[in-house]
C-alpha atoms as a PDB file:
ATOM      1  CA  MET A   1     -79.202  58.801 -74.788  1.00  0.00           C
ATOM      2  CA  PRO A   2     -80.513  59.708 -78.112  1.00  0.00           C
ATOM      3  CA  PHE A   3     -83.980  59.815 -78.087  1.00  0.00           C
ATOM      4  CA  GLY A   4     -84.977  57.686 -80.474  1.00  0.00           C
ATOM      5  CA  CYS A   5     -87.611  60.799 -82.246  1.00  0.00           C
ATOM      6  CA  VAL A   6     -86.793  64.449 -81.574  1.00  0.00           C
ATOM      7  CA  THR A   7     -90.282  65.674 -83.618  1.00  0.00           C
ATOM      8  CA  LEU A   8     -93.623  64.868 -83.139  1.00  0.00           C
ATOM      9  CA  GLY A   9     -95.458  65.265 -85.832  1.00  0.00           C
ATOM     10  CA  ASP A  10     -93.156  65.338 -89.379  1.00  0.00           C
ATOM     11  CA  LYS A  11     -93.656  61.996 -91.153  1.00  0.00           C
ATOM     12  CA  LYS A  12     -89.907  62.175 -91.959  1.00  0.00           C
ATOM     13  CA  ASP A  13     -88.756  61.100 -88.828  1.00  0.00           C
ATOM     14  CA  TYR A  14     -90.888  58.253 -88.011  1.00  0.00           C
ATOM     15  CA  ASN A  15     -89.646  55.557 -86.537  1.00  0.00           C
ATOM     16  CA  GLN A  16     -90.052  52.068 -87.785  1.00  0.00           C
ATOM     17  CA  PRO A  17     -90.314  49.062 -85.906  1.00  0.00           C
ATOM     18  CA  SER A  18     -87.725  47.714 -85.642  1.00  0.00           C
ATOM     19  CA  GLU A  19     -85.463  50.474 -84.486  1.00  0.00           C
ATOM     20  CA  VAL A  20     -87.151  49.431 -81.727  1.00  0.00           C
ATOM     21  CA  THR A  21     -87.108  45.886 -81.095  1.00  0.00           C
ATOM     22  CA  ASP A  22     -83.392  46.200 -82.767  1.00  0.00           C
ATOM     23  CA  ARG A  23     -83.118  48.030 -79.294  1.00  0.00           C
ATOM     24  CA  TYR A  24     -84.207  46.474 -77.000  1.00  0.00           C
ATOM     25  CA  ASP A  25     -86.365  42.651 -76.066  1.00  0.00           C
ATOM     26  CA  LEU A  26     -90.201  43.621 -74.811  1.00  0.00           C
ATOM     27  CA  GLY A  27     -91.648  41.214 -71.776  1.00  0.00           C
ATOM     28  CA  GLN A  28     -95.163  40.574 -70.985  1.00  0.00           C
ATOM     29  CA  VAL A  29     -97.560  43.220 -70.432  1.00  0.00           C
ATOM     30  CA  ILE A  30     -97.021  44.109 -66.873  1.00  0.00           C
ATOM     31  CA  LYS A  31    -100.244  47.086 -67.134  1.00  0.00           C
ATOM     32  CA  THR A  32    -102.832  47.962 -68.326  1.00  0.00           C
ATOM     33  CA  GLU A  33    -103.899  51.805 -68.324  1.00  0.00           C
ATOM     34  CA  GLU A  34    -107.083  52.931 -70.074  1.00  0.00           C
ATOM     35  CA  PHE A  35    -104.406  54.333 -72.878  1.00  0.00           C
ATOM     36  CA  CYS A  36    -101.589  52.663 -73.008  1.00  0.00           C
ATOM     37  CA  GLU A  37     -99.387  48.982 -71.909  1.00  0.00           C
ATOM     38  CA  ILE A  38     -97.121  48.967 -69.648  1.00  0.00           C
ATOM     39  CA  PHE A  39     -94.149  46.638 -70.413  1.00  0.00           C
ATOM     40  CA  ARG A  40     -90.380  45.884 -68.440  1.00  0.00           C
ATOM     41  CA  ALA A  41     -87.764  46.525 -71.795  1.00  0.00           C
ATOM     42  CA  LYS A  42     -84.527  45.280 -71.847  1.00  0.00           C
ATOM     43  CA  GLU A  43     -81.410  46.984 -73.407  1.00  0.00           C
ATOM     44  CA  LYS A  44     -79.693  44.632 -75.836  1.00  0.00           C
ATOM     45  CA  THR A  45     -76.605  45.959 -74.964  1.00  0.00           C
ATOM     46  CA  THR A  46     -75.970  46.791 -71.291  1.00  0.00           C
ATOM     47  CA  GLY A  47     -78.997  44.216 -70.132  1.00  0.00           C
ATOM     48  CA  LYS A  48     -80.245  47.952 -68.113  1.00  0.00           C
ATOM     49  CA  LEU A  49     -84.223  46.779 -67.643  1.00  0.00           C
ATOM     50  CA  TYR A  50     -86.718  50.725 -68.066  1.00  0.00           C
ATOM     51  CA  THR A  51     -90.576  50.516 -68.077  1.00  0.00           C
ATOM     52  CA  CYS A  52     -91.489  50.447 -71.475  1.00  0.00           C
ATOM     53  CA  LYS A  53     -95.860  52.772 -72.048  1.00  0.00           C
ATOM     54  CA  LYS A  54     -97.198  52.077 -75.285  1.00  0.00           C
ATOM     55  CA  PHE A  55    -100.076  53.866 -77.602  1.00  0.00           C
ATOM     56  CA  LEU A  56    -101.076  53.432 -80.252  1.00  0.00           C
ATOM     57  CA  LYS A  57    -102.392  55.647 -82.208  1.00  0.00           C
ATOM     58  CA  ARG A  58    -105.359  53.693 -83.495  1.00  0.00           C
ATOM     59  CA  ASP A  59    -106.818  54.083 -79.876  1.00  0.00           C
ATOM     60  CA  GLY A  60    -107.876  58.104 -80.794  1.00  0.00           C
ATOM     61  CA  ARG A  61    -107.616  61.574 -80.607  1.00  0.00           C
ATOM     62  CA  LYS A  62    -107.236  61.440 -76.273  1.00  0.00           C
ATOM     63  CA  VAL A  63    -104.611  58.539 -76.846  1.00  0.00           C
ATOM     64  CA  ARG A  64    -101.895  60.193 -79.753  1.00  0.00           C
ATOM     65  CA  LYS A  65    -102.830  63.639 -77.132  1.00  0.00           C
ATOM     66  CA  ALA A  66    -102.128  61.651 -74.712  1.00  0.00           C
ATOM     67  CA  ALA A  67     -98.747  60.395 -75.900  1.00  0.00           C
ATOM     68  CA  LYS A  68     -97.558  64.288 -77.485  1.00  0.00           C
ATOM     69  CA  ASN A  69     -98.282  65.652 -73.949  1.00  0.00           C
ATOM     70  CA  GLU A  70     -96.101  63.146 -71.837  1.00  0.00           C
ATOM     71  CA  ILE A  71     -93.200  63.392 -74.321  1.00  0.00           C
ATOM     72  CA  ILE A  72     -92.936  66.956 -73.917  1.00  0.00           C
ATOM     73  CA  ILE A  73     -93.198  67.353 -70.580  1.00  0.00           C
ATOM     74  CA  LEU A  74     -90.708  64.933 -69.630  1.00  0.00           C
ATOM     75  CA  LYS A  75     -88.082  66.297 -72.097  1.00  0.00           C
ATOM     76  CA  MET A  76     -88.351  69.273 -70.105  1.00  0.00           C
ATOM     77  CA  VAL A  77     -87.821  67.942 -66.370  1.00  0.00           C
ATOM     78  CA  LYS A  78     -84.761  66.740 -64.717  1.00  0.00           C
ATOM     79  CA  HIS A  79     -85.430  65.667 -61.242  1.00  0.00           C
ATOM     80  CA  PRO A  80     -84.191  63.205 -59.053  1.00  0.00           C
ATOM     81  CA  ASN A  81     -87.309  62.867 -57.183  1.00  0.00           C
ATOM     82  CA  ILE A  82     -89.108  62.610 -61.175  1.00  0.00           C
ATOM     83  CA  LEU A  83     -88.998  59.165 -63.521  1.00  0.00           C
ATOM     84  CA  GLN A  84     -86.854  60.437 -66.100  1.00  0.00           C
ATOM     85  CA  LEU A  85     -87.526  60.000 -69.962  1.00  0.00           C
ATOM     86  CA  VAL A  86     -85.244  58.057 -71.431  1.00  0.00           C
ATOM     87  CA  ASP A  87     -85.894  57.008 -74.729  1.00  0.00           C
ATOM     88  CA  VAL A  88     -89.064  57.731 -77.445  1.00  0.00           C
ATOM     89  CA  TYR A  89     -89.371  55.813 -81.002  1.00  0.00           C
ATOM     90  CA  ILE A  90     -92.526  57.751 -83.133  1.00  0.00           C
ATOM     91  CA  THR A  91     -93.581  54.422 -85.538  1.00  0.00           C
ATOM     92  CA  ARG A  92     -96.889  55.425 -88.311  1.00  0.00           C
ATOM     93  CA  LYS A  93     -98.982  53.724 -85.917  1.00  0.00           C
ATOM     94  CA  GLU A  94     -97.243  53.758 -82.046  1.00  0.00           C
ATOM     95  CA  TYR A  95     -94.895  55.897 -79.637  1.00  0.00           C
ATOM     96  CA  PHE A  96     -93.170  53.722 -77.434  1.00  0.00           C
ATOM     97  CA  ILE A  97     -91.646  55.877 -74.218  1.00  0.00           C
ATOM     98  CA  PHE A  98     -89.185  54.530 -71.907  1.00  0.00           C
ATOM     99  CA  LEU A  99     -87.853  55.918 -68.858  1.00  0.00           C
ATOM    100  CA  GLU A 100     -86.716  54.542 -65.439  1.00  0.00           C
ATOM    101  CA  LEU A 101     -88.023  51.806 -64.371  1.00  0.00           C
ATOM    102  CA  ALA A 102     -88.665  51.824 -60.334  1.00  0.00           C
ATOM    103  CA  THR A 103     -87.986  48.786 -58.633  1.00  0.00           C
ATOM    104  CA  GLY A 104     -89.443  50.257 -55.360  1.00  0.00           C
ATOM    105  CA  ARG A 105     -93.351  49.077 -53.883  1.00  0.00           C
ATOM    106  CA  GLU A 106     -95.486  51.884 -53.717  1.00  0.00           C
ATOM    107  CA  VAL A 107     -95.914  53.632 -50.474  1.00  0.00           C
ATOM    108  CA  PHE A 108     -99.559  52.033 -48.855  1.00  0.00           C
ATOM    109  CA  ASP A 109     -97.547  48.569 -49.319  1.00  0.00           C
ATOM    110  CA  TRP A 110     -94.398  50.613 -47.702  1.00  0.00           C
ATOM    111  CA  ILE A 111     -96.726  51.267 -44.699  1.00  0.00           C
ATOM    112  CA  LEU A 112     -97.136  48.190 -43.712  1.00  0.00           C
ATOM    113  CA  ASP A 113     -93.878  46.018 -44.047  1.00  0.00           C
ATOM    114  CA  GLN A 114     -92.936  48.952 -41.181  1.00  0.00           C
ATOM    115  CA  GLY A 115     -91.975  47.726 -38.098  1.00  0.00           C
ATOM    116  CA  TYR A 116     -92.969  51.664 -36.941  1.00  0.00           C
ATOM    117  CA  TYR A 117     -93.638  54.257 -38.250  1.00  0.00           C
ATOM    118  CA  SER A 118     -94.387  58.324 -37.741  1.00  0.00           C
ATOM    119  CA  GLU A 119     -94.892  60.828 -38.650  1.00  0.00           C
ATOM    120  CA  LYS A 120     -90.980  61.394 -38.674  1.00  0.00           C
ATOM    121  CA  ASP A 121     -91.373  58.996 -42.010  1.00  0.00           C
ATOM    122  CA  THR A 122     -94.779  61.109 -43.139  1.00  0.00           C
ATOM    123  CA  SER A 123     -92.677  64.158 -43.284  1.00  0.00           C
ATOM    124  CA  ASN A 124     -89.587  62.606 -45.570  1.00  0.00           C
ATOM    125  CA  VAL A 125     -91.829  61.084 -48.326  1.00  0.00           C
ATOM    126  CA  ILE A 126     -93.832  64.373 -48.587  1.00  0.00           C
ATOM    127  CA  ARG A 127     -91.113  66.390 -48.231  1.00  0.00           C
ATOM    128  CA  GLN A 128     -89.471  64.837 -51.116  1.00  0.00           C
ATOM    129  CA  VAL A 129     -92.879  64.771 -52.776  1.00  0.00           C
ATOM    130  CA  LEU A 130     -92.626  69.063 -52.421  1.00  0.00           C
ATOM    131  CA  GLU A 131     -89.335  69.121 -53.503  1.00  0.00           C
ATOM    132  CA  ALA A 132     -90.494  67.196 -56.621  1.00  0.00           C
ATOM    133  CA  VAL A 133     -93.624  70.083 -56.970  1.00  0.00           C
ATOM    134  CA  ALA A 134     -91.704  72.731 -56.243  1.00  0.00           C
ATOM    135  CA  TYR A 135     -89.372  72.213 -59.492  1.00  0.00           C
ATOM    136  CA  LEU A 136     -91.823  71.275 -61.750  1.00  0.00           C
ATOM    137  CA  HIS A 137     -94.154  74.669 -60.903  1.00  0.00           C
ATOM    138  CA  SER A 138     -90.493  76.991 -61.337  1.00  0.00           C
ATOM    139  CA  LEU A 139     -90.999  75.684 -64.634  1.00  0.00           C
ATOM    140  CA  LYS A 140     -94.820  75.753 -64.812  1.00  0.00           C
ATOM    141  CA  ILE A 141     -95.621  73.040 -64.969  1.00  0.00           C
ATOM    142  CA  VAL A 142     -99.113  71.694 -63.328  1.00  0.00           C
ATOM    143  CA  HIS A 143     -98.330  68.029 -62.457  1.00  0.00           C
ATOM    144  CA  ARG A 144    -103.158  67.639 -62.315  1.00  0.00           C
ATOM    145  CA  ASN A 145    -102.964  64.132 -60.902  1.00  0.00           C
ATOM    146  CA  LEU A 146    -100.637  63.787 -57.957  1.00  0.00           C
ATOM    147  CA  LYS A 147    -102.588  60.780 -55.466  1.00  0.00           C
ATOM    148  CA  LEU A 148    -100.658  58.244 -53.764  1.00  0.00           C
ATOM    149  CA  GLU A 149    -100.749  55.773 -57.244  1.00  0.00           C
ATOM    150  CA  ASN A 150     -98.079  58.255 -58.477  1.00  0.00           C
ATOM    151  CA  LEU A 151     -95.765  57.525 -55.576  1.00  0.00           C
ATOM    152  CA  VAL A 152     -93.632  54.738 -55.206  1.00  0.00           C
ATOM    153  CA  TYR A 153     -89.847  53.706 -53.764  1.00  0.00           C
ATOM    154  CA  TYR A 154     -87.363  54.444 -57.134  1.00  0.00           C
ATOM    155  CA  ASN A 155     -85.575  50.639 -55.435  1.00  0.00           C
ATOM    156  CA  ARG A 156     -86.607  49.267 -52.116  1.00  0.00           C
ATOM    157  CA  LEU A 157     -83.470  50.410 -50.174  1.00  0.00           C
ATOM    158  CA  LYS A 158     -84.007  51.391 -46.908  1.00  0.00           C
ATOM    159  CA  ASN A 159     -83.280  54.896 -47.445  1.00  0.00           C
ATOM    160  CA  SER A 160     -84.500  54.571 -51.723  1.00  0.00           C
ATOM    161  CA  LYS A 161     -86.149  57.724 -52.800  1.00  0.00           C
ATOM    162  CA  ILE A 162     -90.099  58.330 -53.509  1.00  0.00           C
ATOM    163  CA  VAL A 163     -90.297  59.309 -57.283  1.00  0.00           C
ATOM    164  CA  ILE A 164     -93.444  60.454 -59.208  1.00  0.00           C
ATOM    165  CA  SER A 165     -94.608  59.368 -62.640  1.00  0.00           C
ATOM    166  CA  ASP A 166     -97.347  59.215 -64.297  1.00  0.00           C
ATOM    167  CA  PHE A 167     -97.355  62.698 -66.520  1.00  0.00           C
ATOM    168  CA  HIS A 168     -99.998  62.218 -68.912  1.00  0.00           C
ATOM    169  CA  LEU A 169    -102.616  64.552 -67.578  1.00  0.00           C
ATOM    170  CA  ALA A 170     -99.492  66.906 -66.711  1.00  0.00           C
ATOM    171  CA  LYS A 171     -99.692  71.163 -68.170  1.00  0.00           C
ATOM    172  CA  LEU A 172     -97.713  73.729 -68.707  1.00  0.00           C
ATOM    173  CA  GLU A 173     -99.123  76.547 -67.000  1.00  0.00           C
ATOM    174  CA  ASN A 174     -99.285  78.765 -70.211  1.00  0.00           C
ATOM    175  CA  GLY A 175    -102.277  81.109 -68.894  1.00  0.00           C
ATOM    176  CA  LEU A 176    -105.520  79.256 -66.050  1.00  0.00           C
ATOM    177  CA  ILE A 177    -106.664  76.069 -67.267  1.00  0.00           C
ATOM    178  CA  LYS A 178    -109.477  75.656 -67.671  1.00  0.00           C
ATOM    179  CA  GLU A 179    -110.977  71.918 -68.643  1.00  0.00           C
ATOM    180  CA  PRO A 180    -110.872  69.860 -65.560  1.00  0.00           C
ATOM    181  CA  CYS A 181    -109.181  66.138 -65.351  1.00  0.00           C
ATOM    182  CA  GLY A 182    -107.743  64.562 -61.620  1.00  0.00           C
ATOM    183  CA  THR A 183    -108.798  61.392 -59.939  1.00  0.00           C
ATOM    184  CA  PRO A 184    -112.106  63.063 -57.431  1.00  0.00           C
ATOM    185  CA  GLU A 185    -111.129  62.475 -54.184  1.00  0.00           C
ATOM    186  CA  TYR A 186    -107.918  64.494 -54.904  1.00  0.00           C
ATOM    187  CA  LEU A 187    -108.844  67.692 -57.283  1.00  0.00           C
ATOM    188  CA  ALA A 188    -109.649  70.481 -56.026  1.00  0.00           C
ATOM    189  CA  PRO A 189    -112.367  72.981 -55.034  1.00  0.00           C
ATOM    190  CA  GLU A 190    -111.422  75.251 -57.538  1.00  0.00           C
ATOM    191  CA  VAL A 191    -111.218  72.269 -60.578  1.00  0.00           C
ATOM    192  CA  VAL A 192    -114.736  70.799 -58.718  1.00  0.00           C
ATOM    193  CA  GLY A 193    -116.472  74.436 -59.450  1.00  0.00           C
ATOM    194  CA  ARG A 194    -115.131  74.438 -62.819  1.00  0.00           C
ATOM    195  CA  GLN A 195    -113.266  77.504 -62.466  1.00  0.00           C
ATOM    196  CA  ARG A 196    -109.633  78.120 -63.473  1.00  0.00           C
ATOM    197  CA  TYR A 197    -107.005  76.955 -61.910  1.00  0.00           C
ATOM    198  CA  GLY A 198    -103.032  76.783 -62.049  1.00  0.00           C
ATOM    199  CA  ARG A 199    -100.235  74.885 -59.946  1.00  0.00           C
ATOM    200  CA  PRO A 200    -102.541  75.044 -56.053  1.00  0.00           C
ATOM    201  CA  VAL A 201    -103.971  72.246 -57.808  1.00  0.00           C
ATOM    202  CA  ASP A 202    -101.095  70.009 -56.742  1.00  0.00           C
ATOM    203  CA  CYS A 203    -100.683  71.155 -53.220  1.00  0.00           C
ATOM    204  CA  TRP A 204    -103.811  70.778 -52.679  1.00  0.00           C
ATOM    205  CA  ALA A 205    -103.797  66.802 -53.787  1.00  0.00           C
ATOM    206  CA  ILE A 206    -100.395  67.010 -51.921  1.00  0.00           C
ATOM    207  CA  GLY A 207    -103.084  68.598 -48.230  1.00  0.00           C
ATOM    208  CA  VAL A 208    -104.908  65.331 -49.359  1.00  0.00           C
ATOM    209  CA  ILE A 209    -101.488  62.290 -49.489  1.00  0.00           C
ATOM    210  CA  MET A 210    -100.282  64.553 -46.019  1.00  0.00           C
ATOM    211  CA  TYR A 211    -104.068  63.608 -44.527  1.00  0.00           C
ATOM    212  CA  ILE A 212    -103.916  59.548 -45.289  1.00  0.00           C
ATOM    213  CA  LEU A 213    -100.882  59.218 -45.092  1.00  0.00           C
ATOM    214  CA  LEU A 214    -101.439  60.771 -40.614  1.00  0.00           C
ATOM    215  CA  SER A 215    -103.926  58.549 -40.505  1.00  0.00           C
ATOM    216  CA  GLY A 216    -104.991  55.936 -42.803  1.00  0.00           C
ATOM    217  CA  ASN A 217    -108.297  57.361 -44.093  1.00  0.00           C
ATOM    218  CA  PRO A 218    -109.522  59.871 -46.525  1.00  0.00           C
ATOM    219  CA  PRO A 219    -110.064  63.090 -46.020  1.00  0.00           C
ATOM    220  CA  PHE A 220    -113.776  63.093 -48.139  1.00  0.00           C
ATOM    221  CA  TYR A 221    -115.085  60.065 -48.896  1.00  0.00           C
ATOM    222  CA  GLU A 222    -119.150  59.775 -50.155  1.00  0.00           C
ATOM    223  CA  GLU A 223    -119.861  56.566 -48.435  1.00  0.00           C
ATOM    224  CA  ALA A 224    -122.459  56.017 -51.455  1.00  0.00           C
ATOM    225  CA  ASP A 225    -122.964  52.951 -53.074  1.00  0.00           C
ATOM    226  CA  GLU A 226    -119.467  54.445 -55.732  1.00  0.00           C
ATOM    227  CA  ASP A 227    -121.419  51.937 -57.884  1.00  0.00           C
ATOM    228  CA  ASP A 228    -123.640  54.239 -58.530  1.00  0.00           C
ATOM    229  CA  TYR A 229    -121.216  56.876 -59.961  1.00  0.00           C
ATOM    230  CA  GLU A 230    -122.906  60.147 -60.928  1.00  0.00           C
ATOM    231  CA  ASN A 231    -124.545  60.442 -57.144  1.00  0.00           C
ATOM    232  CA  HIS A 232    -121.340  59.189 -54.994  1.00  0.00           C
ATOM    233  CA  ASP A 233    -119.076  61.670 -57.387  1.00  0.00           C
ATOM    234  CA  LYS A 234    -122.094  65.282 -56.822  1.00  0.00           C
ATOM    235  CA  ASN A 235    -121.812  64.717 -52.537  1.00  0.00           C
ATOM    236  CA  LEU A 236    -118.571  63.818 -52.845  1.00  0.00           C
ATOM    237  CA  PHE A 237    -117.531  66.985 -54.562  1.00  0.00           C
ATOM    238  CA  ARG A 238    -119.728  68.953 -52.233  1.00  0.00           C
ATOM    239  CA  LYS A 239    -117.833  67.542 -49.465  1.00  0.00           C
ATOM    240  CA  ILE A 240    -114.677  69.450 -51.558  1.00  0.00           C
ATOM    241  CA  LEU A 241    -116.635  72.480 -52.751  1.00  0.00           C
ATOM    242  CA  ALA A 242    -117.256  72.956 -48.782  1.00  0.00           C
ATOM    243  CA  GLY A 243    -114.159  72.247 -47.371  1.00  0.00           C
ATOM    244  CA  ASP A 244    -115.894  69.454 -45.449  1.00  0.00           C
ATOM    245  CA  TYR A 245    -113.104  67.904 -43.812  1.00  0.00           C
ATOM    246  CA  GLU A 246    -112.200  67.618 -39.736  1.00  0.00           C
ATOM    247  CA  PHE A 247    -109.357  65.587 -38.115  1.00  0.00           C
ATOM    248  CA  ASP A 248    -110.937  63.344 -36.523  1.00  0.00           C
ATOM    249  CA  PRO A 249    -110.308  61.333 -33.173  1.00  0.00           C
ATOM    250  CA  PRO A 250    -109.183  59.087 -32.373  1.00  0.00           C
ATOM    251  CA  TYR A 251    -107.169  58.808 -35.929  1.00  0.00           C
ATOM    252  CA  TRP A 252    -106.076  62.251 -35.067  1.00  0.00           C
ATOM    253  CA  ASP A 253    -105.448  62.181 -31.062  1.00  0.00           C
ATOM    254  CA  ASP A 254    -101.487  61.484 -31.304  1.00  0.00           C
ATOM    255  CA  ILE A 255    -101.369  64.200 -34.190  1.00  0.00           C
ATOM    256  CA  SER A 256     -99.243  67.068 -34.009  1.00  0.00           C
ATOM    257  CA  GLN A 257    -100.526  70.374 -34.199  1.00  0.00           C
ATOM    258  CA  ALA A 258     -97.638  71.219 -37.080  1.00  0.00           C
ATOM    259  CA  ALA A 259     -98.969  68.310 -38.966  1.00  0.00           C
ATOM    260  CA  LYS A 260    -102.708  70.043 -38.910  1.00  0.00           C
ATOM    261  CA  GLU A 261    -101.664  73.084 -39.801  1.00  0.00           C
ATOM    262  CA  LEU A 262     -99.737  72.035 -43.133  1.00  0.00           C
ATOM    263  CA  VAL A 263    -102.617  70.181 -44.087  1.00  0.00           C
ATOM    264  CA  THR A 264    -105.286  73.351 -43.840  1.00  0.00           C
ATOM    265  CA  ARG A 265    -102.716  75.468 -45.710  1.00  0.00           C
ATOM    266  CA  LEU A 266    -102.489  73.144 -47.983  1.00  0.00           C
ATOM    267  CA  MET A 267    -106.034  72.062 -48.239  1.00  0.00           C
ATOM    268  CA  GLU A 268    -107.559  75.951 -48.188  1.00  0.00           C
ATOM    269  CA  VAL A 269    -110.416  75.862 -50.220  1.00  0.00           C
ATOM    270  CA  GLU A 270    -109.833  79.648 -52.123  1.00  0.00           C
ATOM    271  CA  GLN A 271    -106.576  78.966 -54.190  1.00  0.00           C
ATOM    272  CA  ASP A 272    -104.872  81.805 -53.987  1.00  0.00           C
ATOM    273  CA  GLN A 273    -104.824  82.053 -49.992  1.00  0.00           C
ATOM    274  CA  ARG A 274    -103.457  78.661 -50.672  1.00  0.00           C
ATOM    275  CA  ILE A 275     -99.916  77.601 -49.227  1.00  0.00           C
ATOM    276  CA  THR A 276     -97.425  76.492 -52.209  1.00  0.00           C
ATOM    277  CA  ALA A 277     -95.063  74.017 -52.636  1.00  0.00           C
ATOM    278  CA  GLU A 278     -92.112  76.180 -51.474  1.00  0.00           C
ATOM    279  CA  GLU A 279     -93.671  78.055 -48.850  1.00  0.00           C
ATOM    280  CA  ALA A 280     -94.648  74.368 -47.998  1.00  0.00           C
ATOM    281  CA  ILE A 281     -91.067  73.029 -47.873  1.00  0.00           C
ATOM    282  CA  SER A 282     -89.892  75.893 -45.102  1.00  0.00           C
ATOM    283  CA  HIS A 283     -92.676  75.349 -42.982  1.00  0.00           C
ATOM    284  CA  GLU A 284     -92.157  73.549 -40.098  1.00  0.00           C
ATOM    285  CA  TRP A 285     -93.252  69.786 -39.793  1.00  0.00           C
ATOM    286  CA  ILE A 286     -91.099  69.639 -42.742  1.00  0.00           C
ATOM    287  CA  SER A 287     -87.904  71.614 -42.497  1.00  0.00           C
ATOM    288  CA  GLY A 288     -87.807  72.360 -37.899  1.00  0.00           C
ATOM    289  CA  ASN A 289     -88.750  69.256 -35.847  1.00  0.00           C
ATOM    290  CA  ALA A 290     -91.842  69.685 -35.284  1.00  0.00           C
ATOM    291  CA  ALA A 291     -93.209  66.321 -37.012  1.00  0.00           C
ATOM    292  CA  SER A 292     -93.717  64.057 -34.595  1.00  0.00           C
ATOM    293  CA  ASP A 293     -91.492  60.571 -34.044  1.00  0.00           C
ATOM    294  CA  LYS A 294     -94.460  58.642 -31.890  1.00  0.00           C
ATOM    295  CA  ASN A 295     -95.388  55.088 -33.935  1.00  0.00           C
ATOM    296  CA  ILE A 296     -98.489  55.366 -35.412  1.00  0.00           C
ATOM    297  CA  LYS A 297     -98.262  52.302 -37.705  1.00  0.00           C
ATOM    298  CA  ASP A 298    -100.764  50.013 -36.269  1.00  0.00           C
ATOM    299  CA  GLY A 299    -103.523  52.897 -36.326  1.00  0.00           C
ATOM    300  CA  VAL A 300    -102.724  53.563 -39.667  1.00  0.00           C
ATOM    301  CA  CYS A 301    -102.222  50.080 -41.290  1.00  0.00           C
ATOM    302  CA  ALA A 302    -105.510  48.980 -39.898  1.00  0.00           C
ATOM    303  CA  GLN A 303    -107.678  52.506 -40.931  1.00  0.00           C
ATOM    304  CA  ILE A 304    -105.289  51.952 -44.334  1.00  0.00           C
ATOM    305  CA  GLU A 305    -106.582  47.664 -44.811  1.00  0.00           C
ATOM    306  CA  LYS A 306    -110.559  49.089 -43.954  1.00  0.00           C
ATOM    307  CA  ASN A 307    -110.832  52.366 -46.743  1.00  0.00           C
ATOM    308  CA  PHE A 308    -108.045  51.924 -49.287  1.00  0.00           C
ATOM    309  CA  ALA A 309    -107.559  47.171 -49.804  1.00  0.00           C
ATOM    310  CA  ARG A 310    -111.726  46.738 -50.410  1.00  0.00           C
ATOM    311  CA  ALA A 311    -112.319  47.159 -54.375  1.00  0.00           C
ATOM    312  CA  LYS A 312    -115.053  50.220 -53.903  1.00  0.00           C
ATOM    313  CA  TRP A 313    -112.015  52.136 -53.183  1.00  0.00           C
ATOM    314  CA  LYS A 314    -110.276  50.654 -56.114  1.00  0.00           C
ATOM    315  CA  LYS A 315    -113.180  52.470 -58.479  1.00  0.00           C
ATOM    316  CA  ALA A 316    -113.589  54.903 -56.111  1.00  0.00           C
ATOM    317  CA  VAL A 317    -110.267  55.897 -57.228  1.00  0.00           C
ATOM    318  CA  ARG A 318    -110.583  56.144 -60.854  1.00  0.00           C
ATOM    319  CA  VAL A 319    -109.371  58.534 -63.120  1.00  0.00           C
ATOM    320  CA  THR A 320    -112.284  59.540 -64.967  1.00  0.00           C
ATOM    321  CA  THR A 321    -114.269  62.142 -67.670  1.00  0.00           C
ATOM    322  CA  LEU A 322    -114.750  64.014 -65.160  1.00  0.00           C
ATOM    323  CA  MET A 323    -117.573  65.394 -63.303  1.00  0.00           C
ATOM    324  CA  LYS A 324    -120.621  64.435 -65.997  1.00  0.00           C
ATOM    325  CA  ARG A 325    -123.443  65.732 -65.639  1.00  0.00           C
ATOM    326  CA  LEU A 326    -122.283  66.803 -62.216  1.00  0.00           C
ATOM    327  CA  ARG A 327    -124.596  70.384 -60.719  1.00  0.00           C
ATOM    328  CA  ALA A 328    -122.325  72.095 -57.932  1.00  0.00           C
ATOM    329  CA  PRO A 329    -124.263  73.677 -55.782  1.00  0.00           C
ATOM    330  CA  GLU A 330    -124.856  77.065 -57.537  1.00  0.00           C
ATOM    331  CA  GLN A 331    -124.384  75.619 -60.586  1.00  0.00           C
ATOM    332  CA  THR A 332    -128.018  76.035 -62.728  1.00  0.00           C
ATOM    333  CA  GLU A 333    -126.167  73.526 -65.444  1.00  0.00           C
ATOM    334  CA  THR A 334    -125.477  71.171 -65.690  1.00  0.00           C
ATOM    335  CA  ALA A 335    -121.463  71.073 -66.296  1.00  0.00           C
ATOM    336  CA  THR A 336    -119.439  68.631 -68.693  1.00  0.00           C
ATOM    337  CA  ALA A 337    -115.985  67.860 -68.493  1.00  0.00           C
ATOM    338  CA  THR A 338    -113.894  67.247 -71.423  1.00  0.00           C
ATOM    339  CA  ALA A 339    -110.973  66.560 -69.827  1.00  0.00           C
ATOM    340  CA  PRO A 340    -109.379  61.938 -70.859  1.00  0.00           C
ATOM    341  CA  ALA A 341    -110.352  59.872 -69.105  1.00  0.00           C
ATOM    342  CA  ALA A 342    -108.078  56.618 -67.226  1.00  0.00           C
ATOM    343  CA  THR A 343    -109.218  53.642 -65.102  1.00  0.00           C
ATOM    344  CA  SER A 344    -105.869  52.550 -64.035  1.00  0.00           C
ATOM    345  CA  ALA A 345    -103.690  54.324 -61.883  1.00  0.00           C
END
């Protein structure tokens, strides 16, 4: 399907709003994010359903930048585990991004509905994420916001694939990146420490995802009052900088050594020593037979419901204007983030 608009900055290429409504029926808003509203759209000629993200230009420079960035990145990628761009319309007032519609559930919901859940199931999820990320990294694209909320099943069939969504923070790595952004609990130490960073931050985030899927617990969590965002994030970031996580009993007692070893390599504090996505695909826990088939559902589900179903975790996993007034332990000056913020997964 040809894109409604090819370029991003030339006024003569603006679409008329009627071009969008002539082609698609936009339903009610199904989700509101900081940068955009999300609709379920129906193509009139075919009846096919898509996801539509509408960005309003009047909402500011960061919104316009996020929309342009997502369009540029999504036009570059084509992979079975990445939600594909279908169409783009740019009017004088709005950006409309049409994507494939994923009708499956989030990974958490899928786990909770299973009668049997093992390391092999987790390995299958992580393998698909690694394959998508290895592909992105081959194009020098850093996702920068990998988290469980951005992983969904493509449909509700038994063997549905996993797809990665939400590319508004993704960035082409032309040299190391400076500005910090992402979701606090998934941030790599080099981002927290305000170092230059690149593709290894995605591998760290996959390690965090893997840790959660195997235990039901986040590797880093600060029990302080989540309403006190400044102190919550400061203490959380200190733990991340130190790589202060453990394979706590009893949650990890039944987890294989191979799984723990891969988590450790993905969550290596030194980014130049961290395993790459391509290397991780070849790990025995992903490509071999090292993943256990023992049922771990009861323990994992109990911790998921305890840690992630509560409102306080929903607050904790916000995408924030990062490290505002954060003072890293080795720094003498307060660091201020310049990255865009979003409050919804």
